[in-house]
């Protein structure tokens, strides 16, 4: 299992457009990818799971990757997060 902690820098936080793109990227992998904030977590392969967390600018979030292709998923998703959020 791999984890990545990140502080959101996008002024709008995780909103519909980047959430949709994140879901699309996460669905390329078979491993489980979750986003956690303040003790709550959401499935990165489901847009409502992400949007329901209400992630805003300045929030610290943790992405967790667990499964057979977690290394590849970690590389792609962390790059996406750093570029877009």
Protein backbone atom coordinates (compact mmCIF):
# COMPACT_ATOMS: atom_id res chain seq x y z
CA UNK A 1 0.00 0.00 0.00
CA UNK A 2 1.30 3.43 -0.96
CA UNK A 3 0.12 6.81 0.30
CA UNK A 4 0.53 10.37 -0.91
CA UNK A 5 -0.28 13.40 1.27
CA UNK A 6 -1.01 16.67 -0.52
CA UNK A 7 -2.29 20.14 0.35
CA UNK A 8 -4.79 21.38 -2.25
CA UNK A 9 -3.66 24.60 -3.98
CA UNK A 10 -6.46 25.05 -6.55
CA UNK A 11 -8.50 28.13 -5.53
CA UNK A 12 -11.74 26.18 -6.04
CA UNK A 13 -10.57 22.98 -4.33
CA UNK A 14 -11.68 19.71 -5.91
CA UNK A 15 -14.57 20.76 -8.14
CA UNK A 16 -16.41 18.95 -10.95
CA UNK A 17 -13.91 19.28 -13.82
CA UNK A 18 -10.75 18.05 -12.06
CA UNK A 19 -12.78 15.47 -10.10
CA UNK A 20 -14.05 14.02 -13.39
CA UNK A 21 -10.53 13.91 -14.81
CA UNK A 22 -9.23 12.27 -11.63
CA UNK A 23 -11.95 9.59 -11.82
CA UNK A 24 -11.03 8.93 -15.46
CA UNK A 25 -7.33 8.53 -14.55
CA UNK A 26 -8.11 6.30 -11.54
CA UNK A 27 -10.30 3.97 -13.60
CA UNK A 28 -7.29 3.03 -15.73
CA UNK A 29 -5.99 0.94 -12.82
CA UNK A 30 -7.30 -2.14 -11.04
CA UNK A 31 -5.98 -1.18 -7.59
CA UNK A 32 -8.14 0.55 -5.01
CA UNK A 33 -7.53 4.31 -4.88
CA UNK A 34 -9.06 6.36 -2.08
CA UNK A 35 -8.97 10.00 -1.04
CA UNK A 36 -9.22 10.82 2.66
CA UNK A 37 -9.90 14.13 4.39
CA UNK A 38 -10.69 14.73 8.07
CA UNK A 39 -11.38 11.07 8.79
CA UNK A 40 -13.72 10.60 5.80
CA UNK A 41 -12.73 8.82 2.61
CA UNK A 42 -14.04 8.49 -0.92
CA UNK A 43 -13.41 6.14 -3.83
CA UNK A 44 -11.40 7.95 -6.52
CA UNK A 45 -13.22 5.93 -9.18
CA UNK A 46 -16.58 7.52 -8.28
CA UNK A 47 -17.16 11.24 -8.77
CA UNK A 48 -19.77 11.47 -6.01
CA UNK A 49 -17.29 9.89 -3.60
CA UNK A 50 -14.85 12.70 -4.32
CA UNK A 51 -17.31 15.58 -4.48
CA UNK A 52 -18.96 14.48 -1.23
CA UNK A 53 -15.76 15.18 0.71
CA UNK A 54 -16.00 18.92 0.01
CA UNK A 55 -12.25 19.42 -0.42
CA UNK A 56 -11.30 23.12 -0.45
CA UNK A 57 -8.09 25.05 -1.06
CA UNK A 58 -5.64 24.52 1.80
CA UNK A 59 -7.10 21.17 2.90
CA UNK A 60 -4.61 18.38 3.45
CA UNK A 61 -5.71 15.13 1.82
CA UNK A 62 -4.27 11.62 1.66
CA UNK A 63 -4.44 9.42 -1.42
CA UNK A 64 -4.03 5.69 -0.76
CA UNK A 65 -3.23 3.07 -3.40
CA UNK A 66 -3.71 -0.62 -2.68
CA UNK A 67 -3.47 -3.44 -5.22
CA UNK A 68 -1.39 -5.09 -7.88
CA UNK A 69 -0.76 -2.01 -10.05
CA UNK A 70 -0.50 0.49 -7.17
CA UNK A 71 2.98 1.69 -8.23
CA UNK A 72 1.82 2.74 -11.72
CA UNK A 73 -1.37 4.27 -10.29
CA UNK A 74 0.66 6.18 -7.71
CA UNK A 75 2.92 7.64 -10.39
CA UNK A 76 0.08 8.75 -12.67
CA UNK A 77 -2.35 10.04 -10.05
CA UNK A 78 0.25 11.95 -8.00
CA UNK A 79 1.50 13.65 -11.17
CA UNK A 80 -2.09 14.58 -12.09
CA UNK A 81 -2.77 15.97 -8.60
CA UNK A 82 0.39 18.08 -8.54
CA UNK A 83 -0.34 19.52 -11.98
CA UNK A 84 -4.08 20.17 -11.53
CA UNK A 85 -4.94 20.61 -7.87
